[in-house]
PDB file of N, CA and C in Angstrom:
ATOM      1  N   MET A   1      43.020  62.480 265.328  1.00  0.00           N
ATOM      2  CA  MET A   1      43.850  62.905 264.205  1.00  0.00           C
ATOM      3  C   MET A   1      45.280  62.462 264.462  1.00  0.00           C
ATOM      4  N   ASP A   2      45.894  61.880 263.465  1.00  0.00           N
ATOM      5  CA  ASP A   2      47.297  61.485 263.515  1.00  0.00           C
ATOM      6  C   ASP A   2      48.129  62.714 263.163  1.00  0.00           C
ATOM      7  N   ALA A   3      49.076  63.064 264.009  1.00  0.00           N
ATOM      8  CA  ALA A   3      49.864  64.283 263.803  1.00  0.00           C
ATOM      9  C   ALA A   3      50.608  64.285 262.479  1.00  0.00           C
ATOM     10  N   ASN A   4      50.917  63.114 261.945  1.00  0.00           N
ATOM     11  CA  ASN A   4      51.664  63.043 260.694  1.00  0.00           C
ATOM     12  C   ASN A   4      50.773  63.012 259.459  1.00  0.00           C
ATOM     13  N   ARG A   5      49.492  62.738 259.622  1.00  0.00           N
ATOM     14  CA  ARG A   5      48.621  62.563 258.462  1.00  0.00           C
ATOM     15  C   ARG A   5      47.548  63.627 258.337  1.00  0.00           C
ATOM     16  N   GLY A   6      47.265  64.355 259.377  1.00  0.00           N
ATOM     17  CA  GLY A   6      46.183  65.328 259.328  1.00  0.00           C
ATOM     18  C   GLY A   6      44.856  64.662 259.624  1.00  0.00           C
ATOM     19  N   PRO A   7      43.762  65.393 259.454  1.00  0.00           N
ATOM     20  CA  PRO A   7      42.441  64.837 259.768  1.00  0.00           C
ATOM     21  C   PRO A   7      42.035  63.759 258.766  1.00  0.00           C
ATOM     22  N   ASN A   8      41.151  62.865 259.213  1.00  0.00           N
ATOM     23  CA  ASN A   8      40.634  61.833 258.316  1.00  0.00           C
ATOM     24  C   ASN A   8      39.767  62.463 257.237  1.00  0.00           C
ATOM     25  N   ARG A   9      39.806  61.871 256.060  1.00  0.00           N
ATOM     26  CA  ARG A   9      38.931  62.307 254.970  1.00  0.00           C
ATOM     27  C   ARG A   9      37.501  61.903 255.304  1.00  0.00           C
ATOM     28  N   PRO A  10      36.521  62.578 254.708  1.00  0.00           N
ATOM     29  CA  PRO A  10      35.130  62.172 254.940  1.00  0.00           C
ATOM     30  C   PRO A  10      34.870  60.794 254.332  1.00  0.00           C
ATOM     31  N   VAL A  11      33.880  60.114 254.860  1.00  0.00           N
ATOM     32  CA  VAL A  11      33.520  58.788 254.364  1.00  0.00           C
ATOM     33  C   VAL A  11      32.576  58.941 253.176  1.00  0.00           C
ATOM     34  N   SER A  12      32.894  58.257 252.084  1.00  0.00           N
ATOM     35  CA  SER A  12      32.029  58.205 250.903  1.00  0.00           C
ATOM     36  C   SER A  12      31.259  56.897 250.943  1.00  0.00           C
ATOM     37  N   HIS A  13      29.987  56.949 250.554  1.00  0.00           N
ATOM     38  CA  HIS A  13      29.129  55.767 250.562  1.00  0.00           C
ATOM     39  C   HIS A  13      28.730  55.438 249.127  1.00  0.00           C
ATOM     40  N   PHE A  14      28.920  54.170 248.748  1.00  0.00           N
ATOM     41  CA  PHE A  14      28.600  53.719 247.395  1.00  0.00           C
ATOM     42  C   PHE A  14      27.642  52.536 247.471  1.00  0.00           C
ATOM     43  N   ALA A  15      26.550  52.620 246.716  1.00  0.00           N
ATOM     44  CA  ALA A  15      25.610  51.503 246.628  1.00  0.00           C
ATOM     45  C   ALA A  15      26.280  50.357 245.880  1.00  0.00           C
ATOM     46  N   GLU A  16      25.786  49.155 246.097  1.00  0.00           N
ATOM     47  CA  GLU A  16      26.353  47.978 245.434  1.00  0.00           C
ATOM     48  C   GLU A  16      26.365  48.134 243.914  1.00  0.00           C
ATOM     49  N   THR A  17      25.381  48.829 243.356  1.00  0.00           N
ATOM     50  CA  THR A  17      25.299  49.018 241.904  1.00  0.00           C
ATOM     51  C   THR A  17      26.283  50.058 241.385  1.00  0.00           C
ATOM     52  N   ASP A  18      26.943  50.796 242.286  1.00  0.00           N
ATOM     53  CA  ASP A  18      27.850  51.868 241.882  1.00  0.00           C
ATOM     54  C   ASP A  18      29.326  51.530 242.030  1.00  0.00           C
ATOM     55  N   TYR A  19      29.640  50.287 242.400  1.00  0.00           N
ATOM     56  CA  TYR A  19      31.044  49.898 242.482  1.00  0.00           C
ATOM     57  C   TYR A  19      31.209  48.423 242.124  1.00  0.00           C
ATOM     58  N   CYS A  20      32.430  48.058 241.771  1.00  0.00           N
ATOM     59  CA  CYS A  20      32.799  46.674 241.500  1.00  0.00           C
ATOM     60  C   CYS A  20      34.037  46.394 242.343  1.00  0.00           C
ATOM     61  N   TYR A  21      34.225  45.425 242.921  1.00  0.00           N
ATOM     62  CA  TYR A  21      33.461  44.201 243.028  1.00  0.00           C
ATOM     63  C   TYR A  21      33.238  43.960 244.499  1.00  0.00           C
ATOM     64  N   GLY A  22      32.026  43.600 244.863  1.00  0.00           N
ATOM     65  CA  GLY A  22      31.691  43.346 246.247  1.00  0.00           C
ATOM     66  C   GLY A  22      30.198  43.175 246.395  1.00  0.00           C
ATOM     67  N   THR A  23      29.780  42.906 247.614  1.00  0.00           N
ATOM     68  CA  THR A  23      28.376  42.697 247.919  1.00  0.00           C
ATOM     69  C   THR A  23      27.951  43.684 248.986  1.00  0.00           C
ATOM     70  N   GLY A  24      26.828  44.340 248.769  1.00  0.00           N
ATOM     71  CA  GLY A  24      26.334  45.315 249.733  1.00  0.00           C
ATOM     72  C   GLY A  24      26.950  46.679 249.503  1.00  0.00           C
ATOM     73  N   ALA A  25      26.503  47.636 250.295  1.00  0.00           N
ATOM     74  CA  ALA A  25      27.016  49.007 250.188  1.00  0.00           C
ATOM     75  C   ALA A  25      28.476  49.058 250.646  1.00  0.00           C
ATOM     76  N   LEU A  26      29.203  50.036 250.125  1.00  0.00           N
ATOM     77  CA  LEU A  26      30.612  50.228 250.475  1.00  0.00           C
ATOM     78  C   LEU A  26      30.782  51.614 251.074  1.00  0.00           C
ATOM     79  N   ALA A  27      31.394  51.672 252.253  1.00  0.00           N
ATOM     80  CA  ALA A  27      31.732  52.947 252.896  1.00  0.00           C
ATOM     81  C   ALA A  27      33.247  53.009 252.984  1.00  0.00           C
ATOM     82  N   MET A  28      33.822  54.075 252.434  1.00  0.00           N
ATOM     83  CA  MET A  28      35.281  54.190 252.477  1.00  0.00           C
ATOM     84  C   MET A  28      35.725  55.642 252.466  1.00  0.00           C
ATOM     85  N   ARG A  29      36.907  55.856 253.033  1.00  0.00           N
ATOM     86  CA  ARG A  29      37.582  57.149 252.931  1.00  0.00           C
ATOM     87  C   ARG A  29      38.469  57.053 251.694  1.00  0.00           C
ATOM     88  N   VAL A  30      38.112  57.780 250.660  1.00  0.00           N
ATOM     89  CA  VAL A  30      38.832  57.699 249.390  1.00  0.00           C
ATOM     90  C   VAL A  30      40.110  58.529 249.480  1.00  0.00           C
ATOM     91  N   ASP A  31      41.243  57.866 249.239  1.00  0.00           N
ATOM     92  CA  ASP A  31      42.544  58.537 249.245  1.00  0.00           C
ATOM     93  C   ASP A  31      42.995  58.931 247.848  1.00  0.00           C
ATOM     94  N   ARG A  32      42.615  58.125 246.851  1.00  0.00           N
ATOM     95  CA  ARG A  32      43.109  58.370 245.499  1.00  0.00           C
ATOM     96  C   ARG A  32      42.095  57.888 244.476  1.00  0.00           C
ATOM     97  N   VAL A  33      41.928  58.686 243.427  1.00  0.00           N
ATOM     98  CA  VAL A  33      41.124  58.298 242.265  1.00  0.00           C
ATOM     99  C   VAL A  33      42.034  58.409 241.054  1.00  0.00           C
ATOM    100  N   ASP A  34      42.070  57.376 240.233  1.00  0.00           N
ATOM    101  CA  ASP A  34      42.874  57.423 239.009  1.00  0.00           C
ATOM    102  C   ASP A  34      42.026  58.053 237.906  1.00  0.00           C
ATOM    103  N   TRP A  35      42.002  59.393 237.892  1.00  0.00           N
ATOM    104  CA  TRP A  35      41.194  60.139 236.922  1.00  0.00           C
ATOM    105  C   TRP A  35      41.742  60.004 235.504  1.00  0.00           C
ATOM    106  N   THR A  36      43.005  59.581 235.363  1.00  0.00           N
ATOM    107  CA  THR A  36      43.643  59.555 234.044  1.00  0.00           C
ATOM    108  C   THR A  36      43.265  58.346 233.200  1.00  0.00           C
ATOM    109  N   ARG A  37      42.670  57.319 233.814  1.00  0.00           N
ATOM    110  CA  ARG A  37      42.362  56.103 233.056  1.00  0.00           C
ATOM    111  C   ARG A  37      40.931  55.627 233.301  1.00  0.00           C
ATOM    112  N   PRO A  38      39.946  56.347 232.762  1.00  0.00           N
ATOM    113  CA  PRO A  38      38.567  55.883 232.935  1.00  0.00           C
ATOM    114  C   PRO A  38      38.348  54.560 232.209  1.00  0.00           C
ATOM    115  N   ILE A  39      37.457  53.764 232.746  1.00  0.00           N
ATOM    116  CA  ILE A  39      37.092  52.476 232.156  1.00  0.00           C
ATOM    117  C   ILE A  39      35.634  52.564 231.726  1.00  0.00           C
ATOM    118  N   GLN A  40      35.358  52.249 230.461  1.00  0.00           N
ATOM    119  CA  GLN A  40      33.986  52.271 229.957  1.00  0.00           C
ATOM    120  C   GLN A  40      33.261  51.007 230.402  1.00  0.00           C
ATOM    121  N   ARG A  41      32.118  51.205 231.060  1.00  0.00           N
ATOM    122  CA  ARG A  41      31.309  50.085 231.537  1.00  0.00           C
ATOM    123  C   ARG A  41      29.865  50.568 231.589  1.00  0.00           C
ATOM    124  N   ASP A  42      28.961  49.819 231.020  1.00  0.00           N
ATOM    125  CA  ASP A  42      27.541  50.191 231.009  1.00  0.00           C
ATOM    126  C   ASP A  42      27.316  51.583 230.417  1.00  0.00           C
ATOM    127  N   GLY A  43      28.140  51.976 229.443  1.00  0.00           N
ATOM    128  CA  GLY A  43      27.990  53.269 228.786  1.00  0.00           C
ATOM    129  C   GLY A  43      28.426  54.462 229.621  1.00  0.00           C
ATOM    130  N   GLU A  44      29.158  54.226 230.700  1.00  0.00           N
ATOM    131  CA  GLU A  44      29.613  55.305 231.580  1.00  0.00           C
ATOM    132  C   GLU A  44      31.089  55.126 231.895  1.00  0.00           C
ATOM    133  N   ASN A  45      31.712  56.207 232.385  1.00  0.00           N
ATOM    134  CA  ASN A  45      33.091  56.126 232.867  1.00  0.00           C
ATOM    135  C   ASN A  45      33.097  55.650 234.312  1.00  0.00           C
ATOM    136  N   TRP A  46      33.964  54.681 234.592  1.00  0.00           N
ATOM    137  CA  TRP A  46      34.209  54.181 235.939  1.00  0.00           C
ATOM    138  C   TRP A  46      35.684  54.416 236.229  1.00  0.00           C
ATOM    139  N   TYR A  47      36.028  54.586 237.515  1.00  0.00           N
ATOM    140  CA  TYR A  47      37.405  54.905 237.883  1.00  0.00           C
ATOM    141  C   TYR A  47      37.879  54.015 239.028  1.00  0.00           C
ATOM    142  N   GLU A  48      39.168  53.687 238.985  1.00  0.00           N
ATOM    143  CA  GLU A  48      39.769  52.937 240.084  1.00  0.00           C
ATOM    144  C   GLU A  48      39.998  53.891 241.253  1.00  0.00           C
ATOM    145  N   VAL A  49      39.566  53.471 242.429  1.00  0.00           N
ATOM    146  CA  VAL A  49      39.772  54.267 243.638  1.00  0.00           C
ATOM    147  C   VAL A  49      40.487  53.419 244.684  1.00  0.00           C
ATOM    148  N   GLU A  50      41.228  54.088 245.551  1.00  0.00           N
ATOM    149  CA  GLU A  50      41.894  53.442 246.677  1.00  0.00           C
ATOM    150  C   GLU A  50      41.548  54.218 247.927  1.00  0.00           C
ATOM    151  N   GLY A  51      41.442  53.507 249.022  1.00  0.00           N
ATOM    152  CA  GLY A  51      41.151  54.172 250.279  1.00  0.00           C
ATOM    153  C   GLY A  51      41.084  53.182 251.414  1.00  0.00           C
ATOM    154  N   VAL A  52      40.387  53.576 252.473  1.00  0.00           N
ATOM    155  CA  VAL A  52      40.231  52.743 253.655  1.00  0.00           C
ATOM    156  C   VAL A  52      38.748  52.454 253.835  1.00  0.00           C
ATOM    157  N   GLU A  53      38.389  51.169 253.832  1.00  0.00           N
ATOM    158  CA  GLU A  53      37.002  50.776 254.067  1.00  0.00           C
ATOM    159  C   GLU A  53      36.691  50.926 255.550  1.00  0.00           C
ATOM    160  N   VAL A  54      35.483  51.405 255.850  1.00  0.00           N
ATOM    161  CA  VAL A  54      35.077  51.597 257.243  1.00  0.00           C
ATOM    162  C   VAL A  54      33.730  50.921 257.501  1.00  0.00           C
ATOM    163  N   THR A  55      33.493  50.579 258.763  1.00  0.00           N
ATOM    164  CA  THR A  55      32.232  49.977 259.178  1.00  0.00           C
ATOM    165  C   THR A  55      31.192  51.080 259.370  1.00  0.00           C
ATOM    166  N   PRO A  56      29.910  50.713 259.510  1.00  0.00           N
ATOM    167  CA  PRO A  56      28.876  51.731 259.740  1.00  0.00           C
ATOM    168  C   PRO A  56      29.131  52.604 260.973  1.00  0.00           C
ATOM    169  N   ASP A  57      29.837  52.063 261.979  1.00  0.00           N
ATOM    170  CA  ASP A  57      30.121  52.878 263.167  1.00  0.00           C
ATOM    171  C   ASP A  57      31.476  53.584 263.091  1.00  0.00           C
ATOM    172  N   GLY A  58      32.117  53.551 261.904  1.00  0.00           N
ATOM    173  CA  GLY A  58      33.330  54.331 261.680  1.00  0.00           C
ATOM    174  C   GLY A  58      34.653  53.637 261.935  1.00  0.00           C
ATOM    175  N   ARG A  59      34.632  52.364 262.340  1.00  0.00           N
ATOM    176  CA  ARG A  59      35.897  51.647 262.560  1.00  0.00           C
ATOM    177  C   ARG A  59      36.533  51.287 261.219  1.00  0.00           C
ATOM    178  N   GLU A  60      37.850  51.402 261.152  1.00  0.00           N
ATOM    179  CA  GLU A  60      38.569  51.075 259.921  1.00  0.00           C
ATOM    180  C   GLU A  60      38.689  49.571 259.756  1.00  0.00           C
ATOM    181  N   ILE A  61      38.347  49.078 258.562  1.00  0.00           N
ATOM    182  CA  ILE A  61      38.498  47.664 258.237  1.00  0.00           C
ATOM    183  C   ILE A  61      39.871  47.427 257.627  1.00  0.00           C
ATOM    184  N   GLY A  62      40.273  48.310 256.714  1.00  0.00           N
ATOM    185  CA  GLY A  62      41.574  48.171 256.070  1.00  0.00           C
ATOM    186  C   GLY A  62      41.576  48.801 254.692  1.00  0.00           C
ATOM    187  N   ARG A  63      42.723  48.717 254.030  1.00  0.00           N
ATOM    188  CA  ARG A  63      42.890  49.276 252.694  1.00  0.00           C
ATOM    189  C   ARG A  63      41.968  48.562 251.725  1.00  0.00           C
ATOM    190  N   ARG A  64      41.472  49.307 250.728  1.00  0.00           N
ATOM    191  CA  ARG A  64      40.532  48.736 249.766  1.00  0.00           C
ATOM    192  C   ARG A  64      40.697  49.426 248.425  1.00  0.00           C
ATOM    193  N   GLN A  65      40.577  48.661 247.362  1.00  0.00           N
ATOM    194  CA  GLN A  65      40.516  49.195 246.009  1.00  0.00           C
ATOM    195  C   GLN A  65      39.157  48.818 245.440  1.00  0.00           C
ATOM    196  N   ALA A  66      38.610  49.684 244.609  1.00  0.00           N
ATOM    197  CA  ALA A  66      37.327  49.395 243.970  1.00  0.00           C
ATOM    198  C   ALA A  66      37.247  50.164 242.662  1.00  0.00           C
ATOM    199  N   LEU A  67      36.379  49.710 241.793  1.00  0.00           N
ATOM    200  CA  LEU A  67      36.066  50.400 240.553  1.00  0.00           C
ATOM    201  C   LEU A  67      34.717  51.072 240.783  1.00  0.00           C
ATOM    202  N   VAL A  68      34.673  52.413 240.692  1.00  0.00           N
ATOM    203  CA  VAL A  68      33.474  53.163 241.075  1.00  0.00           C
ATOM    204  C   VAL A  68      32.944  53.964 239.889  1.00  0.00           C
ATOM    205  N   ARG A  69      31.625  53.974 239.771  1.00  0.00           N
ATOM    206  CA  ARG A  69      30.930  54.739 238.726  1.00  0.00           C
ATOM    207  C   ARG A  69      31.308  56.223 238.847  1.00  0.00           C
ATOM    208  N   GLY A  70      31.715  56.818 237.739  1.00  0.00           N
ATOM    209  CA  GLY A  70      32.209  58.192 237.739  1.00  0.00           C
ATOM    210  C   GLY A  70      31.251  59.217 238.311  1.00  0.00           C
ATOM    211  N   ARG A  71      29.963  59.100 238.006  1.00  0.00           N
ATOM    212  CA  ARG A  71      29.024  60.114 238.502  1.00  0.00           C
ATOM    213  C   ARG A  71      28.879  60.074 240.014  1.00  0.00           C
ATOM    214  N   ARG A  72      29.291  58.989 240.654  1.00  0.00           N
ATOM    215  CA  ARG A  72      29.268  58.902 242.113  1.00  0.00           C
ATOM    216  C   ARG A  72      30.505  59.551 242.729  1.00  0.00           C
ATOM    217  N   LEU A  73      31.476  59.911 241.895  1.00  0.00           N
ATOM    218  CA  LEU A  73      32.711  60.528 242.381  1.00  0.00           C
ATOM    219  C   LEU A  73      32.740  62.029 242.149  1.00  0.00           C
ATOM    220  N   SER A  74      31.696  62.595 241.603  1.00  0.00           N
ATOM    221  CA  SER A  74      31.716  64.005 241.210  1.00  0.00           C
ATOM    222  C   SER A  74      31.955  64.957 242.376  1.00  0.00           C
ATOM    223  N   ALA A  75      31.607  64.555 243.592  1.00  0.00           N
ATOM    224  CA  ALA A  75      31.799  65.434 244.751  1.00  0.00           C
ATOM    225  C   ALA A  75      33.233  65.410 245.271  1.00  0.00           C
ATOM    226  N   LEU A  76      34.037  64.447 244.815  1.00  0.00           N
ATOM    227  CA  LEU A  76      35.414  64.357 245.294  1.00  0.00           C
ATOM    228  C   LEU A  76      36.301  65.351 244.562  1.00  0.00           C
ATOM    229  N   GLN A  77      37.191  65.955 245.301  1.00  0.00           N
ATOM    230  CA  GLN A  77      38.114  66.928 244.721  1.00  0.00           C
ATOM    231  C   GLN A  77      39.124  66.223 243.832  1.00  0.00           C
ATOM    232  N   ARG A  78      39.355  66.801 242.672  1.00  0.00           N
ATOM    233  CA  ARG A  78      40.365  66.252 241.763  1.00  0.00           C
ATOM    234  C   ARG A  78      41.700  66.900 242.063  1.00  0.00           C
ATOM    235  N   ASN A  79      42.735  66.081 242.164  1.00  0.00           N
ATOM    236  CA  ASN A  79      44.086  66.595 242.361  1.00  0.00           C
ATOM    237  C   ASN A  79      44.705  66.816 240.993  1.00  0.00           C
ATOM    238  N   THR A  80      44.760  68.062 240.586  1.00  0.00           N
ATOM    239  CA  THR A  80      45.338  68.389 239.284  1.00  0.00           C
ATOM    240  C   THR A  80      46.345  69.509 239.455  1.00  0.00           C
ATOM    241  N   ARG A  81      47.275  69.570 238.531  1.00  0.00           N
ATOM    242  CA  ARG A  81      48.261  70.652 238.532  1.00  0.00           C
ATOM    243  C   ARG A  81      47.907  71.621 237.423  1.00  0.00           C
ATOM    244  N   SER A  82      48.102  72.889 237.683  1.00  0.00           N
ATOM    245  CA  SER A  82      47.799  73.878 236.640  1.00  0.00           C
ATOM    246  C   SER A  82      49.047  74.307 235.922  1.00  0.00           C
TER     247      SER A  82
END
Protein backbone atom coordinates (compact mmCIF):
# COMPACT_ATOMS: atom_id res chain seq x y z
CA MET A 1 0.00 0.00 0.00
CA ASP A 2 1.26 3.46 -0.91
CA ALA A 3 0.91 5.74 2.12
CA ASN A 4 -0.40 8.56 -0.07
CA ARG A 5 -2.93 6.55 -2.08
CA GLY A 6 -4.39 3.97 0.26
CA PRO A 7 -4.99 0.33 -0.65
CA ASN A 8 -5.23 -0.81 -4.26
CA ARG A 9 -8.71 -1.16 -5.72
CA PRO A 10 -9.88 -4.68 -6.55
CA VAL A 11 -9.17 -5.96 -10.05
CA SER A 12 -12.14 -6.07 -12.43
CA HIS A 13 -12.12 -8.64 -15.24
CA PHE A 14 -13.81 -7.96 -18.58
CA ALA A 15 -14.28 -10.46 -21.41
CA GLU A 16 -13.24 -9.32 -24.88
CA THR A 17 -16.94 -9.00 -25.82
CA ASP A 18 -17.57 -6.62 -22.89
CA TYR A 19 -15.08 -3.87 -23.72
CA CYS A 20 -13.69 -1.88 -26.65
CA TYR A 21 -11.02 -1.83 -27.96
CA GLY A 22 -8.56 -4.66 -27.53
CA THR A 23 -7.95 -8.36 -27.93
CA GLY A 24 -8.45 -10.93 -25.19
CA ALA A 25 -9.72 -10.46 -21.66
CA LEU A 26 -8.95 -7.23 -19.80
CA ALA A 27 -8.00 -7.08 -16.12
CA MET A 28 -7.82 -3.63 -14.58
CA ARG A 29 -8.20 -1.66 -11.38
CA VAL A 30 -10.93 0.81 -12.32
CA ASP A 31 -10.28 4.31 -10.97
CA ARG A 32 -13.03 6.22 -12.75
CA VAL A 33 -16.23 5.57 -14.69
CA ASP A 34 -17.85 8.40 -16.63
CA TRP A 35 -21.43 7.61 -15.56
CA THR A 36 -22.67 10.95 -16.95
CA ARG A 37 -22.15 10.12 -20.63
CA PRO A 38 -23.35 6.64 -21.58
CA ILE A 39 -22.74 5.56 -25.17
CA GLN A 40 -25.40 3.48 -26.94
CA ARG A 41 -23.89 0.41 -28.60
CA ASP A 42 -25.58 -2.89 -29.45
CA GLY A 43 -28.76 -1.66 -27.73
CA GLU A 44 -27.01 -1.18 -24.37
CA ASN A 45 -25.27 1.58 -22.42
CA TRP A 46 -21.47 1.48 -22.47
CA TYR A 47 -19.25 3.73 -20.35
CA GLU A 48 -15.74 5.12 -20.59
CA VAL A 49 -13.54 3.81 -17.79
CA GLU A 50 -10.00 4.66 -16.70
CA GLY A 51 -7.71 2.64 -14.53
CA VAL A 52 -4.57 0.54 -14.37
CA GLU A 53 -4.29 -2.62 -16.48
CA VAL A 54 -2.76 -5.58 -14.65
CA THR A 55 -1.30 -8.94 -15.68
CA PRO A 56 -2.79 -12.26 -14.52
CA ASP A 57 -0.21 -12.37 -11.70
CA GLY A 58 -1.11 -8.84 -10.54
CA ARG A 59 1.76 -6.78 -11.98
CA GLU A 60 0.78 -3.32 -13.21
CA ILE A 61 1.10 -2.77 -16.96
CA GLY A 62 0.09 0.89 -16.96
CA ARG A 63 -2.76 3.36 -17.33
CA ARG A 64 -5.60 2.25 -19.59
CA GLN A 65 -8.86 3.63 -20.94
CA ALA A 66 -11.62 1.41 -22.31
CA LEU A 67 -15.27 1.51 -23.26
CA VAL A 68 -17.06 -1.10 -21.10
CA ARG A 69 -20.56 -2.59 -21.30
CA GLY A 70 -22.67 -1.04 -18.53
CA ARG A 71 -24.03 -4.29 -17.10
CA ARG A 72 -20.44 -5.39 -16.42
CA LEU A 73 -19.94 -2.29 -14.26
CA SER A 74 -22.94 -2.78 -11.97
CA ALA A 75 -20.78 -4.02 -9.07
CA LEU A 76 -18.64 -0.86 -9.09
CA GLN A 77 -19.53 1.86 -6.63
CA ARG A 78 -20.85 5.05 -8.17
CA ASN A 79 -19.35 8.28 -6.91
CA THR A 80 -22.33 10.58 -6.55
CA ARG A 81 -23.13 13.58 -4.40
CA SER A 82 -26.41 13.85 -2.57
